[in-house]
Amino acid sequence: MLNQQSKIFISGASDGLGKAMALEIAHRAPAQLALCGRNEKKLRQVIREINDINPEAKVLAACFDASDSQACTQFANHVLDTFKEIDILINNAGANVRKAPVEEIDLDELRYMFNLNCVSHLAFIQAFLPKMKEKKEGLIMNILSSACLYDNINMAAYTATKQAMKAIHKALVKEVREDNIKVSAIYPGGINTNFRELDRPDYLNAQKLAKVLVDVVEIDDGVVHDLVLRPMAESNF
Protein backbone atom coordinates (compact mmCIF):
# COMPACT_ATOMS: atom_id res chain seq x y z
CA MET A 1 0.00 0.00 0.00
CA LEU A 2 1.08 3.57 -0.60
CA ASN A 3 2.48 5.40 2.41
CA GLN A 4 4.83 8.19 3.45
CA GLN A 5 7.86 6.09 2.53
CA SER A 6 6.64 5.35 -1.01
CA LYS A 7 8.96 6.85 -3.60
CA ILE A 8 7.27 7.22 -6.97
CA PHE A 9 8.49 8.52 -10.31
CA ILE A 10 6.02 9.65 -13.00
CA SER A 11 7.07 10.90 -16.43
CA GLY A 12 4.74 13.05 -18.49
CA ALA A 13 3.20 14.41 -15.29
CA SER A 14 2.42 17.98 -16.31
CA ASP A 15 -0.98 17.13 -17.80
CA GLY A 16 -3.38 14.36 -18.77
CA LEU A 17 -3.09 10.91 -17.26
CA GLY A 18 0.29 11.57 -15.63
CA LYS A 19 -1.10 14.55 -13.72
CA ALA A 20 -4.23 12.62 -12.78
CA MET A 21 -2.14 9.76 -11.36
CA ALA A 22 0.06 12.14 -9.36
CA LEU A 23 -3.01 13.80 -7.82
CA GLU A 24 -4.69 10.46 -7.10
CA ILE A 25 -1.56 9.24 -5.31
CA ALA A 26 -1.47 12.46 -3.27
CA HIS A 27 -5.06 11.83 -2.20
CA ARG A 28 -4.11 8.39 -0.90
CA ALA A 29 -0.78 8.99 0.84
CA PRO A 30 1.88 11.62 1.60
CA ALA A 31 4.24 9.88 -0.80
CA GLN A 32 7.53 11.15 -2.19
CA LEU A 33 6.91 12.04 -5.84
CA ALA A 34 9.44 12.68 -8.59
CA LEU A 35 7.73 14.25 -11.60
CA CYS A 36 8.82 15.43 -15.01
CA GLY A 37 7.00 17.06 -17.91
CA ARG A 38 7.49 19.37 -20.87
CA ASN A 39 5.36 22.33 -19.76
CA GLU A 40 6.88 24.25 -16.86
CA LYS A 41 3.76 26.31 -16.11
CA LYS A 42 1.55 23.23 -15.99
CA LEU A 43 4.09 21.28 -13.94
CA ARG A 44 4.19 24.04 -11.33
CA GLN A 45 0.39 23.92 -11.18
CA VAL A 46 0.52 20.16 -10.57
CA ILE A 47 2.91 20.73 -7.66
CA ARG A 48 0.57 23.35 -6.17
CA GLU A 49 -2.40 21.00 -6.46
CA ILE A 50 -0.47 18.17 -4.83
CA ASN A 51 0.51 20.47 -1.94
CA ASP A 52 -3.11 21.56 -1.53
CA ILE A 53 -4.30 17.94 -1.47
CA ASN A 54 -1.59 16.63 0.84
CA PRO A 55 0.85 19.15 2.37
CA GLU A 56 2.97 16.29 3.72
CA ALA A 57 3.76 14.96 0.24
CA LYS A 58 7.27 15.64 -1.01
CA VAL A 59 7.68 16.63 -4.65
CA LEU A 60 10.82 16.75 -6.77
CA ALA A 61 10.17 18.00 -10.30
CA ALA A 62 11.97 18.98 -13.49
CA CYS A 63 10.81 20.33 -16.83
CA PHE A 64 12.36 18.86 -19.99
CA ASP A 65 11.47 16.98 -23.15
CA ALA A 66 11.72 13.27 -22.39
CA SER A 67 12.74 12.58 -26.00
CA ASP A 68 16.18 13.74 -24.81
CA SER A 69 17.56 10.57 -23.22
CA GLN A 70 20.50 12.46 -21.69
CA ALA A 71 18.07 14.76 -19.89
CA CYS A 72 16.14 11.70 -18.69
CA THR A 73 19.27 10.15 -17.25
CA GLN A 74 20.41 13.41 -15.63
CA PHE A 75 17.09 13.88 -13.85
CA ALA A 76 16.95 10.23 -12.83
CA ASN A 77 20.40 10.57 -11.25
CA HIS A 78 19.23 13.70 -9.41
CA VAL A 79 16.22 11.78 -8.14
CA LEU A 80 18.45 8.97 -6.88
CA ASP A 81 20.75 11.48 -5.18
CA THR A 82 17.72 12.92 -3.39
CA PHE A 83 15.42 9.94 -2.76
CA LYS A 84 18.16 7.25 -2.88
CA GLU A 85 15.78 4.88 -4.67
CA ILE A 86 12.47 4.65 -6.51
CA ASP A 87 9.90 2.04 -5.48
CA ILE A 88 7.41 2.66 -8.28
CA LEU A 89 8.28 3.83 -11.79
CA ILE A 90 5.39 5.00 -13.97
CA ASN A 91 6.53 5.49 -17.56
CA ASN A 92 3.79 7.73 -18.90
CA ALA A 93 5.45 10.27 -21.23
CA GLY A 94 4.40 9.87 -24.84
CA ALA A 95 2.81 11.46 -27.89
CA ASN A 96 1.49 10.85 -31.37
CA VAL A 97 3.00 13.74 -33.32
CA ARG A 98 1.00 13.26 -36.50
CA LYS A 99 -1.16 10.68 -38.21
CA ALA A 100 0.05 9.80 -41.70
CA PRO A 101 0.02 6.91 -44.18
CA VAL A 102 3.24 4.89 -44.38
CA GLU A 103 4.42 6.60 -47.56
CA GLU A 104 4.19 10.01 -45.86
CA ILE A 105 5.82 9.22 -42.50
CA ASP A 106 8.31 11.94 -41.64
CA LEU A 107 11.53 10.21 -40.53
CA ASP A 108 12.45 12.96 -38.06
CA GLU A 109 9.01 12.72 -36.46
CA LEU A 110 9.39 8.96 -36.30
CA ARG A 111 12.76 9.26 -34.55
CA TYR A 112 11.27 11.76 -32.10
CA MET A 113 8.42 9.41 -31.24
CA PHE A 114 10.77 6.46 -30.80
CA ASN A 115 12.84 8.55 -28.40
CA LEU A 116 9.79 9.73 -26.47
CA ASN A 117 7.56 6.65 -26.52
CA CYS A 118 10.24 4.00 -26.12
CA VAL A 119 13.78 5.22 -25.40
CA SER A 120 12.74 7.53 -22.52
CA HIS A 121 10.96 4.62 -20.84
CA LEU A 122 14.04 2.46 -21.20
CA ALA A 123 16.30 5.22 -19.84
CA PHE A 124 14.23 5.49 -16.67
CA ILE A 125 14.04 1.70 -16.29
CA GLN A 126 17.81 1.39 -16.56
CA ALA A 127 18.27 4.19 -14.03
CA PHE A 128 15.99 2.82 -11.31
CA LEU A 129 16.08 -0.95 -11.83
CA PRO A 130 19.45 -1.62 -10.12
CA LYS A 131 18.18 -0.33 -6.75
CA MET A 132 14.96 -2.31 -7.15
CA LYS A 133 17.01 -5.44 -7.75
CA GLU A 134 19.11 -4.74 -4.66
CA LYS A 135 15.95 -4.49 -2.53
CA LYS A 136 14.22 -7.38 -4.31
CA GLU A 137 11.04 -5.34 -4.76
CA GLY A 138 9.55 -2.63 -6.93
CA LEU A 139 6.99 -1.91 -9.62
CA ILE A 140 7.49 -0.66 -13.17
CA MET A 141 4.30 0.46 -14.91
CA ASN A 142 4.58 1.21 -18.63
CA ILE A 143 1.71 3.22 -20.11
CA LEU A 144 1.47 1.93 -23.67
CA SER A 145 -1.61 2.14 -25.92
CA SER A 146 -4.34 -0.05 -27.35
CA ALA A 147 -2.63 0.82 -30.65
CA CYS A 148 -0.17 -1.94 -29.68
CA LEU A 149 -3.00 -4.42 -30.11
CA TYR A 150 -4.69 -3.16 -33.25
CA ASP A 151 -3.01 -1.93 -36.45
CA ASN A 152 -4.85 0.93 -38.10
CA ILE A 153 -4.33 3.08 -41.17
CA ASN A 154 -2.42 6.35 -40.70
CA MET A 155 -1.14 5.11 -37.32
CA ALA A 156 1.91 3.09 -38.36
CA ALA A 157 4.52 5.44 -36.90
CA TYR A 158 2.90 5.80 -33.48
CA THR A 159 2.01 2.12 -33.32
CA ALA A 160 5.58 1.09 -34.19
CA THR A 161 7.03 3.16 -31.34
CA LYS A 162 4.54 1.82 -28.83
CA GLN A 163 5.01 -1.78 -30.01
CA ALA A 164 8.76 -1.37 -29.57
CA MET A 165 8.18 -0.55 -25.91
CA LYS A 166 5.74 -3.44 -25.65
CA ALA A 167 8.52 -5.82 -26.76
CA ILE A 168 10.83 -4.43 -24.08
CA HIS A 169 8.07 -4.79 -21.50
CA LYS A 170 7.43 -8.43 -22.39
CA ALA A 171 11.10 -9.33 -22.00
CA LEU A 172 11.46 -7.32 -18.79
CA VAL A 173 8.56 -9.15 -17.14
CA LYS A 174 10.53 -12.41 -17.45
CA GLU A 175 13.96 -10.95 -16.71
CA VAL A 176 13.09 -9.46 -13.30
CA ARG A 177 10.53 -11.94 -12.00
CA GLU A 178 13.08 -13.75 -9.83
CA ASP A 179 14.06 -10.38 -8.34
CA ASN A 180 10.44 -9.96 -7.14
CA ILE A 181 9.96 -6.88 -9.33
CA LYS A 182 6.51 -6.36 -10.80
CA VAL A 183 6.12 -5.08 -14.36
CA SER A 184 2.75 -3.88 -15.62
CA ALA A 185 1.76 -2.71 -19.10
CA ILE A 186 -1.34 -0.55 -19.51
CA TYR A 187 -3.06 -0.38 -22.89
CA PRO A 188 -5.58 2.48 -22.80
CA GLY A 189 -7.74 3.47 -25.72
CA GLY A 190 -8.66 7.09 -26.32
CA ILE A 191 -8.42 9.37 -23.26
CA ASN A 192 -10.13 12.75 -23.16
CA THR A 193 -7.22 15.04 -22.25
CA ASN A 194 -5.92 18.49 -23.14
CA PHE A 195 -3.53 16.88 -25.65
CA ARG A 196 -6.48 16.45 -27.98
CA GLU A 197 -7.54 19.35 -30.18
CA LEU A 198 -11.23 18.50 -29.72
CA ASP A 199 -13.08 17.53 -26.57
CA ARG A 200 -14.01 13.83 -26.57
CA PRO A 201 -16.38 13.20 -23.64
CA ASP A 202 -17.06 9.73 -25.10
CA TYR A 203 -13.43 8.77 -24.43
CA LEU A 204 -11.91 7.58 -21.15
CA ASN A 205 -11.88 10.06 -18.28
CA ALA A 206 -8.29 10.63 -17.09
CA GLN A 207 -9.24 11.00 -13.43
CA LYS A 208 -11.33 7.82 -13.38
CA LEU A 209 -8.61 5.93 -15.25
CA ALA A 210 -6.02 7.18 -12.75
CA LYS A 211 -8.04 5.68 -9.88
CA VAL A 212 -7.99 2.29 -11.61
CA LEU A 213 -4.26 2.44 -12.27
CA VAL A 214 -3.38 3.49 -8.73
CA ASP A 215 -5.49 0.54 -7.56
CA VAL A 216 -3.20 -1.62 -9.71
CA VAL A 217 -0.17 0.01 -8.07
CA GLU A 218 -1.54 -0.85 -4.63
CA ILE A 219 -1.99 -4.58 -5.30
CA ASP A 220 0.43 -6.19 -2.85
CA ASP A 221 -0.19 -9.90 -3.37
CA GLY A 222 0.07 -10.15 -7.13
CA VAL A 223 0.83 -8.30 -10.33
CA VAL A 224 -1.16 -7.12 -13.34
CA HIS A 225 1.05 -7.85 -16.35
CA ASP A 226 -1.30 -6.43 -19.00
CA LEU A 227 -4.42 -4.32 -18.67
CA VAL A 228 -6.53 -3.08 -21.61
CA LEU A 229 -9.07 -0.28 -21.10
CA ARG A 230 -11.10 1.09 -23.98
CA PRO A 231 -13.98 3.56 -24.14
CA MET A 232 -17.21 2.01 -25.38
CA ALA A 233 -17.01 4.38 -28.35
CA GLU A 234 -14.12 2.38 -29.79
CA SER A 235 -14.33 -0.86 -31.75
CA ASN A 236 -10.62 -1.31 -32.51
CA PHE A 237 -10.30 -4.82 -31.14
C-alpha atoms as a PDB file:
ATOM      1  CA  MET A   1       0.000   0.000   0.000  1.00  0.00           C
ATOM      2  CA  LEU A   2       1.082   3.574  -0.601  1.00  0.00           C
ATOM      3  CA  ASN A   3       2.478   5.401   2.415  1.00  0.00           C
ATOM      4  CA  GLN A   4       4.827   8.187   3.448  1.00  0.00           C
ATOM      5  CA  GLN A   5       7.856   6.091   2.527  1.00  0.00           C
ATOM      6  CA  SER A   6       6.635   5.349  -1.009  1.00  0.00           C
ATOM      7  CA  LYS A   7       8.960   6.846  -3.605  1.00  0.00           C
ATOM      8  CA  ILE A   8       7.273   7.218  -6.971  1.00  0.00           C
ATOM      9  CA  PHE A   9       8.492   8.521 -10.315  1.00  0.00           C
ATOM     10  CA  ILE A  10       6.021   9.651 -13.004  1.00  0.00           C
ATOM     11  CA  SER A  11       7.071  10.902 -16.432  1.00  0.00           C
ATOM     12  CA  GLY A  12       4.735  13.053 -18.487  1.00  0.00           C
ATOM     13  CA  ALA A  13       3.202  14.411 -15.287  1.00  0.00           C
ATOM     14  CA  SER A  14       2.421  17.979 -16.306  1.00  0.00           C
ATOM     15  CA  ASP A  15      -0.979  17.128 -17.795  1.00  0.00           C
ATOM     16  CA  GLY A  16      -3.378  14.358 -18.769  1.00  0.00           C
ATOM     17  CA  LEU A  17      -3.092  10.905 -17.260  1.00  0.00           C
ATOM     18  CA  GLY A  18       0.290  11.567 -15.635  1.00  0.00           C
ATOM     19  CA  LYS A  19      -1.096  14.550 -13.721  1.00  0.00           C
ATOM     20  CA  ALA A  20      -4.231  12.618 -12.782  1.00  0.00           C
ATOM     21  CA  MET A  21      -2.141   9.763 -11.357  1.00  0.00           C
ATOM     22  CA  ALA A  22       0.064  12.141  -9.360  1.00  0.00           C
ATOM     23  CA  LEU A  23      -3.008  13.800  -7.824  1.00  0.00           C
ATOM     24  CA  GLU A  24      -4.685  10.459  -7.096  1.00  0.00           C
ATOM     25  CA  ILE A  25      -1.557   9.236  -5.310  1.00  0.00           C
ATOM     26  CA  ALA A  26      -1.469  12.460  -3.274  1.00  0.00           C
ATOM     27  CA  HIS A  27      -5.065  11.835  -2.204  1.00  0.00           C
ATOM     28  CA  ARG A  28      -4.108   8.392  -0.899  1.00  0.00           C
ATOM     29  CA  ALA A  29      -0.777   8.993   0.839  1.00  0.00           C
ATOM     30  CA  PRO A  30       1.885  11.616   1.597  1.00  0.00           C
ATOM     31  CA  ALA A  31       4.244   9.883  -0.802  1.00  0.00           C
ATOM     32  CA  GLN A  32       7.531  11.150  -2.185  1.00  0.00           C
ATOM     33  CA  LEU A  33       6.914  12.036  -5.836  1.00  0.00           C
ATOM     34  CA  ALA A  34       9.441  12.684  -8.591  1.00  0.00           C
ATOM     35  CA  LEU A  35       7.729  14.253 -11.595  1.00  0.00           C
ATOM     36  CA  CYS A  36       8.825  15.429 -15.015  1.00  0.00           C
ATOM     37  CA  GLY A  37       7.003  17.062 -17.906  1.00  0.00           C
ATOM     38  CA  ARG A  38       7.489  19.366 -20.869  1.00  0.00           C
ATOM     39  CA  ASN A  39       5.363  22.329 -19.760  1.00  0.00           C
ATOM     40  CA  GLU A  40       6.884  24.246 -16.855  1.00  0.00           C
ATOM     41  CA  LYS A  41       3.762  26.313 -16.105  1.00  0.00           C
ATOM     42  CA  LYS A  42       1.548  23.226 -15.993  1.00  0.00           C
ATOM     43  CA  LEU A  43       4.085  21.277 -13.938  1.00  0.00           C
ATOM     44  CA  ARG A  44       4.188  24.037 -11.333  1.00  0.00           C
ATOM     45  CA  GLN A  45       0.387  23.917 -11.181  1.00  0.00           C
ATOM     46  CA  VAL A  46       0.515  20.156 -10.572  1.00  0.00           C
ATOM     47  CA  ILE A  47       2.905  20.729  -7.659  1.00  0.00           C
ATOM     48  CA  ARG A  48       0.565  23.349  -6.175  1.00  0.00           C
ATOM     49  CA  GLU A  49      -2.402  21.004  -6.461  1.00  0.00           C
ATOM     50  CA  ILE A  50      -0.468  18.173  -4.828  1.00  0.00           C
ATOM     51  CA  ASN A  51       0.511  20.470  -1.940  1.00  0.00           C
ATOM     52  CA  ASP A  52      -3.115  21.556  -1.529  1.00  0.00           C
ATOM     53  CA  ILE A  53      -4.305  17.935  -1.466  1.00  0.00           C
ATOM     54  CA  ASN A  54      -1.586  16.631   0.838  1.00  0.00           C
ATOM     55  CA  PRO A  55       0.847  19.154   2.374  1.00  0.00           C
ATOM     56  CA  GLU A  56       2.967  16.290   3.722  1.00  0.00           C
ATOM     57  CA  ALA A  57       3.760  14.958   0.242  1.00  0.00           C
ATOM     58  CA  LYS A  58       7.266  15.645  -1.011  1.00  0.00           C
ATOM     59  CA  VAL A  59       7.679  16.629  -4.652  1.00  0.00           C
ATOM     60  CA  LEU A  60      10.816  16.752  -6.772  1.00  0.00           C
ATOM     61  CA  ALA A  61      10.166  18.003 -10.298  1.00  0.00           C
ATOM     62  CA  ALA A  62      11.967  18.976 -13.490  1.00  0.00           C
ATOM     63  CA  CYS A  63      10.811  20.333 -16.829  1.00  0.00           C
ATOM     64  CA  PHE A  64      12.361  18.862 -19.987  1.00  0.00           C
ATOM     65  CA  ASP A  65      11.472  16.982 -23.149  1.00  0.00           C
ATOM     66  CA  ALA A  66      11.722  13.266 -22.393  1.00  0.00           C
ATOM     67  CA  SER A  67      12.740  12.583 -25.999  1.00  0.00           C
ATOM     68  CA  ASP A  68      16.182  13.742 -24.807  1.00  0.00           C
ATOM     69  CA  SER A  69      17.561  10.571 -23.222  1.00  0.00           C
ATOM     70  CA  GLN A  70      20.496  12.457 -21.694  1.00  0.00           C
ATOM     71  CA  ALA A  71      18.065  14.764 -19.893  1.00  0.00           C
ATOM     72  CA  CYS A  72      16.138  11.699 -18.688  1.00  0.00           C
ATOM     73  CA  THR A  73      19.275  10.148 -17.249  1.00  0.00           C
ATOM     74  CA  GLN A  74      20.408  13.406 -15.628  1.00  0.00           C
ATOM     75  CA  PHE A  75      17.090  13.882 -13.851  1.00  0.00           C
ATOM     76  CA  ALA A  76      16.952  10.230 -12.828  1.00  0.00           C
ATOM     77  CA  ASN A  77      20.404  10.569 -11.252  1.00  0.00           C
ATOM     78  CA  HIS A  78      19.230  13.698  -9.409  1.00  0.00           C
ATOM     79  CA  VAL A  79      16.216  11.778  -8.140  1.00  0.00           C
ATOM     80  CA  LEU A  80      18.453   8.974  -6.884  1.00  0.00           C
ATOM     81  CA  ASP A  81      20.748  11.476  -5.177  1.00  0.00           C
ATOM     82  CA  THR A  82      17.716  12.924  -3.387  1.00  0.00           C
ATOM     83  CA  PHE A  83      15.423   9.943  -2.757  1.00  0.00           C
ATOM     84  CA  LYS A  84      18.161   7.253  -2.882  1.00  0.00           C
ATOM     85  CA  GLU A  85      15.776   4.883  -4.671  1.00  0.00           C
ATOM     86  CA  ILE A  86      12.465   4.651  -6.509  1.00  0.00           C
ATOM     87  CA  ASP A  87       9.905   2.043  -5.484  1.00  0.00           C
ATOM     88  CA  ILE A  88       7.405   2.657  -8.279  1.00  0.00           C
ATOM     89  CA  LEU A  89       8.277   3.833 -11.790  1.00  0.00           C
ATOM     90  CA  ILE A  90       5.385   5.000 -13.971  1.00  0.00           C
ATOM     91  CA  ASN A  91       6.535   5.493 -17.558  1.00  0.00           C
ATOM     92  CA  ASN A  92       3.794   7.734 -18.903  1.00  0.00           C
ATOM     93  CA  ALA A  93       5.452  10.275 -21.231  1.00  0.00           C
ATOM     94  CA  GLY A  94       4.398   9.867 -24.843  1.00  0.00           C
ATOM     95  CA  ALA A  95       2.806  11.462 -27.889  1.00  0.00           C
ATOM     96  CA  ASN A  96       1.490  10.854 -31.367  1.00  0.00           C
ATOM     97  CA  VAL A  97       2.995  13.743 -33.316  1.00  0.00           C
ATOM     98  CA  ARG A  98       1.004  13.258 -36.501  1.00  0.00           C
ATOM     99  CA  LYS A  99      -1.161  10.678 -38.211  1.00  0.00           C
ATOM    100  CA  ALA A 100       0.049   9.797 -41.701  1.00  0.00           C
ATOM    101  CA  PRO A 101       0.017   6.909 -44.177  1.00  0.00           C
ATOM    102  CA  VAL A 102       3.244   4.892 -44.382  1.00  0.00           C
ATOM    103  CA  GLU A 103       4.424   6.596 -47.564  1.00  0.00           C
ATOM    104  CA  GLU A 104       4.190  10.012 -45.858  1.00  0.00           C
ATOM    105  CA  ILE A 105       5.816   9.219 -42.498  1.00  0.00           C
ATOM    106  CA  ASP A 106       8.309  11.939 -41.639  1.00  0.00           C
ATOM    107  CA  LEU A 107      11.526  10.215 -40.528  1.00  0.00           C
ATOM    108  CA  ASP A 108      12.451  12.959 -38.062  1.00  0.00           C
ATOM    109  CA  GLU A 109       9.010  12.721 -36.463  1.00  0.00           C
ATOM    110  CA  LEU A 110       9.386   8.959 -36.300  1.00  0.00           C
ATOM    111  CA  ARG A 111      12.761   9.258 -34.551  1.00  0.00           C
ATOM    112  CA  TYR A 112      11.274  11.756 -32.101  1.00  0.00           C
ATOM    113  CA  MET A 113       8.417   9.408 -31.238  1.00  0.00           C
ATOM    114  CA  PHE A 114      10.769   6.460 -30.800  1.00  0.00           C
ATOM    115  CA  ASN A 115      12.842   8.552 -28.400  1.00  0.00           C
ATOM    116  CA  LEU A 116       9.790   9.733 -26.468  1.00  0.00           C
ATOM    117  CA  ASN A 117       7.555   6.652 -26.516  1.00  0.00           C
ATOM    118  CA  CYS A 118      10.240   4.003 -26.119  1.00  0.00           C
ATOM    119  CA  VAL A 119      13.784   5.224 -25.398  1.00  0.00           C
ATOM    120  CA  SER A 120      12.742   7.527 -22.525  1.00  0.00           C
ATOM    121  CA  HIS A 121      10.960   4.616 -20.841  1.00  0.00           C
ATOM    122  CA  LEU A 122      14.041   2.462 -21.201  1.00  0.00           C
ATOM    123  CA  ALA A 123      16.303   5.216 -19.844  1.00  0.00           C
ATOM    124  CA  PHE A 124      14.231   5.485 -16.671  1.00  0.00           C
ATOM    125  CA  ILE A 125      14.040   1.704 -16.287  1.00  0.00           C
ATOM    126  CA  GLN A 126      17.813   1.389 -16.563  1.00  0.00           C
ATOM    127  CA  ALA A 127      18.274   4.192 -14.034  1.00  0.00           C
ATOM    128  CA  PHE A 128      15.992   2.822 -11.309  1.00  0.00           C
ATOM    129  CA  LEU A 129      16.083  -0.950 -11.833  1.00  0.00           C
ATOM    130  CA  PRO A 130      19.454  -1.623 -10.117  1.00  0.00           C
ATOM    131  CA  LYS A 131      18.175  -0.334  -6.750  1.00  0.00           C
ATOM    132  CA  MET A 132      14.965  -2.309  -7.151  1.00  0.00           C
ATOM    133  CA  LYS A 133      17.011  -5.444  -7.748  1.00  0.00           C
ATOM    134  CA  GLU A 134      19.106  -4.737  -4.657  1.00  0.00           C
ATOM    135  CA  LYS A 135      15.952  -4.486  -2.525  1.00  0.00           C
ATOM    136  CA  LYS A 136      14.219  -7.383  -4.314  1.00  0.00           C
ATOM    137  CA  GLU A 137      11.044  -5.339  -4.757  1.00  0.00           C
ATOM    138  CA  GLY A 138       9.554  -2.632  -6.930  1.00  0.00           C
ATOM    139  CA  LEU A 139       6.988  -1.908  -9.622  1.00  0.00           C
ATOM    140  CA  ILE A 140       7.489  -0.665 -13.169  1.00  0.00           C
ATOM    141  CA  MET A 141       4.305   0.459 -14.914  1.00  0.00           C
ATOM    142  CA  ASN A 142       4.579   1.214 -18.625  1.00  0.00           C
ATOM    143  CA  ILE A 143       1.707   3.217 -20.108  1.00  0.00           C
ATOM    144  CA  LEU A 144       1.473   1.927 -23.667  1.00  0.00           C
ATOM    145  CA  SER A 145      -1.613   2.135 -25.915  1.00  0.00           C
ATOM    146  CA  SER A 146      -4.339  -0.055 -27.353  1.00  0.00           C
ATOM    147  CA  ALA A 147      -2.626   0.817 -30.651  1.00  0.00           C
ATOM    148  CA  CYS A 148      -0.174  -1.940 -29.676  1.00  0.00           C
ATOM    149  CA  LEU A 149      -2.995  -4.422 -30.109  1.00  0.00           C
ATOM    150  CA  TYR A 150      -4.686  -3.160 -33.247  1.00  0.00           C
ATOM    151  CA  ASP A 151      -3.010  -1.934 -36.446  1.00  0.00           C
ATOM    152  CA  ASN A 152      -4.851   0.928 -38.101  1.00  0.00           C
ATOM    153  CA  ILE A 153      -4.330   3.085 -41.170  1.00  0.00           C
ATOM    154  CA  ASN A 154      -2.417   6.354 -40.699  1.00  0.00           C
ATOM    155  CA  MET A 155      -1.143   5.112 -37.316  1.00  0.00           C
ATOM    156  CA  ALA A 156       1.907   3.088 -38.358  1.00  0.00           C
ATOM    157  CA  ALA A 157       4.520   5.443 -36.900  1.00  0.00           C
ATOM    158  CA  TYR A 158       2.900   5.801 -33.477  1.00  0.00           C
ATOM    159  CA  THR A 159       2.013   2.118 -33.325  1.00  0.00           C
ATOM    160  CA  ALA A 160       5.582   1.087 -34.186  1.00  0.00           C
ATOM    161  CA  THR A 161       7.027   3.159 -31.345  1.00  0.00           C
ATOM    162  CA  LYS A 162       4.539   1.820 -28.832  1.00  0.00           C
ATOM    163  CA  GLN A 163       5.011  -1.777 -30.005  1.00  0.00           C
ATOM    164  CA  ALA A 164       8.764  -1.369 -29.573  1.00  0.00           C
ATOM    165  CA  MET A 165       8.175  -0.546 -25.907  1.00  0.00           C
ATOM    166  CA  LYS A 166       5.738  -3.441 -25.655  1.00  0.00           C
ATOM    167  CA  ALA A 167       8.518  -5.819 -26.764  1.00  0.00           C
ATOM    168  CA  ILE A 168      10.834  -4.430 -24.081  1.00  0.00           C
ATOM    169  CA  HIS A 169       8.065  -4.785 -21.496  1.00  0.00           C
ATOM    170  CA  LYS A 170       7.431  -8.432 -22.387  1.00  0.00           C
ATOM    171  CA  ALA A 171      11.098  -9.331 -22.001  1.00  0.00           C
ATOM    172  CA  LEU A 172      11.462  -7.320 -18.792  1.00  0.00           C
ATOM    173  CA  VAL A 173       8.564  -9.152 -17.140  1.00  0.00           C
ATOM    174  CA  LYS A 174      10.525 -12.406 -17.452  1.00  0.00           C
ATOM    175  CA  GLU A 175      13.959 -10.947 -16.706  1.00  0.00           C
ATOM    176  CA  VAL A 176      13.092  -9.458 -13.303  1.00  0.00           C
ATOM    177  CA  ARG A 177      10.528 -11.943 -11.998  1.00  0.00           C
ATOM    178  CA  GLU A 178      13.076 -13.749  -9.827  1.00  0.00           C
ATOM    179  CA  ASP A 179      14.056 -10.382  -8.336  1.00  0.00           C
ATOM    180  CA  ASN A 180      10.441  -9.958  -7.139  1.00  0.00           C
ATOM    181  CA  ILE A 181       9.956  -6.884  -9.331  1.00  0.00           C
ATOM    182  CA  LYS A 182       6.510  -6.361 -10.801  1.00  0.00           C
ATOM    183  CA  VAL A 183       6.122  -5.085 -14.363  1.00  0.00           C
ATOM    184  CA  SER A 184       2.746  -3.875 -15.623  1.00  0.00           C
ATOM    185  CA  ALA A 185       1.756  -2.706 -19.100  1.00  0.00           C
ATOM    186  CA  ILE A 186      -1.344  -0.550 -19.511  1.00  0.00           C
ATOM    187  CA  TYR A 187      -3.061  -0.383 -22.895  1.00  0.00           C
ATOM    188  CA  PRO A 188      -5.578   2.481 -22.795  1.00  0.00           C
ATOM    189  CA  GLY A 189      -7.739   3.474 -25.720  1.00  0.00           C
ATOM    190  CA  GLY A 190      -8.659   7.094 -26.322  1.00  0.00           C
ATOM    191  CA  ILE A 191      -8.423   9.368 -23.264  1.00  0.00           C
ATOM    192  CA  ASN A 192     -10.134  12.749 -23.161  1.00  0.00           C
ATOM    193  CA  THR A 193      -7.225  15.042 -22.250  1.00  0.00           C
ATOM    194  CA  ASN A 194      -5.915  18.486 -23.145  1.00  0.00           C
ATOM    195  CA  PHE A 195      -3.534  16.879 -25.646  1.00  0.00           C
ATOM    196  CA  ARG A 196      -6.482  16.446 -27.981  1.00  0.00           C
ATOM    197  CA  GLU A 197      -7.545  19.347 -30.184  1.00  0.00           C
ATOM    198  CA  LEU A 198     -11.231  18.500 -29.725  1.00  0.00           C
ATOM    199  CA  ASP A 199     -13.081  17.527 -26.570  1.00  0.00           C
ATOM    200  CA  ARG A 200     -14.014  13.827 -26.567  1.00  0.00           C
ATOM    201  CA  PRO A 201     -16.380  13.200 -23.645  1.00  0.00           C
ATOM    202  CA  ASP A 202     -17.064   9.732 -25.103  1.00  0.00           C
ATOM    203  CA  TYR A 203     -13.434   8.772 -24.429  1.00  0.00           C
ATOM    204  CA  LEU A 204     -11.914   7.576 -21.147  1.00  0.00           C
ATOM    205  CA  ASN A 205     -11.883  10.064 -18.281  1.00  0.00           C
ATOM    206  CA  ALA A 206      -8.295  10.626 -17.095  1.00  0.00           C
ATOM    207  CA  GLN A 207      -9.241  11.001 -13.428  1.00  0.00           C
ATOM    208  CA  LYS A 208     -11.327   7.817 -13.378  1.00  0.00           C
ATOM    209  CA  LEU A 209      -8.605   5.927 -15.251  1.00  0.00           C
ATOM    210  CA  ALA A 210      -6.022   7.176 -12.754  1.00  0.00           C
ATOM    211  CA  LYS A 211      -8.038   5.678  -9.883  1.00  0.00           C
ATOM    212  CA  VAL A 212      -7.995   2.288 -11.608  1.00  0.00           C
ATOM    213  CA  LEU A 213      -4.264   2.436 -12.273  1.00  0.00           C
ATOM    214  CA  VAL A 214      -3.378   3.493  -8.732  1.00  0.00           C
ATOM    215  CA  ASP A 215      -5.489   0.543  -7.558  1.00  0.00           C
ATOM    216  CA  VAL A 216      -3.198  -1.616  -9.710  1.00  0.00           C
ATOM    217  CA  VAL A 217      -0.173   0.015  -8.070  1.00  0.00           C
ATOM    218  CA  GLU A 218      -1.539  -0.854  -4.634  1.00  0.00           C
ATOM    219  CA  ILE A 219      -1.987  -4.579  -5.301  1.00  0.00           C
ATOM    220  CA  ASP A 220       0.426  -6.185  -2.850  1.00  0.00           C
ATOM    221  CA  ASP A 221      -0.191  -9.897  -3.368  1.00  0.00           C
ATOM    222  CA  GLY A 222       0.068 -10.154  -7.135  1.00  0.00           C
ATOM    223  CA  VAL A 223       0.829  -8.299 -10.327  1.00  0.00           C
ATOM    224  CA  VAL A 224      -1.163  -7.119 -13.344  1.00  0.00           C
ATOM    225  CA  HIS A 225       1.048  -7.851 -16.347  1.00  0.00           C
ATOM    226  CA  ASP A 226      -1.297  -6.435 -18.996  1.00  0.00           C
ATOM    227  CA  LEU A 227      -4.422  -4.317 -18.674  1.00  0.00           C
ATOM    228  CA  VAL A 228      -6.534  -3.079 -21.607  1.00  0.00           C
ATOM    229  CA  LEU A 229      -9.072  -0.280 -21.099  1.00  0.00           C
ATOM    230  CA  ARG A 230     -11.097   1.095 -23.983  1.00  0.00           C
ATOM    231  CA  PRO A 231     -13.983   3.556 -24.136  1.00  0.00           C
ATOM    232  CA  MET A 232     -17.213   2.010 -25.378  1.00  0.00           C
ATOM    233  CA  ALA A 233     -17.013   4.383 -28.346  1.00  0.00           C
ATOM    234  CA  GLU A 234     -14.120   2.376 -29.786  1.00  0.00           C
ATOM    235  CA  SER A 235     -14.326  -0.856 -31.746  1.00  0.00           C
ATOM    236  CA  ASN A 236     -10.620  -1.314 -32.513  1.00  0.00           C
ATOM    237  CA  PHE A 237     -10.298  -4.819 -31.138  1.00  0.00           C
END
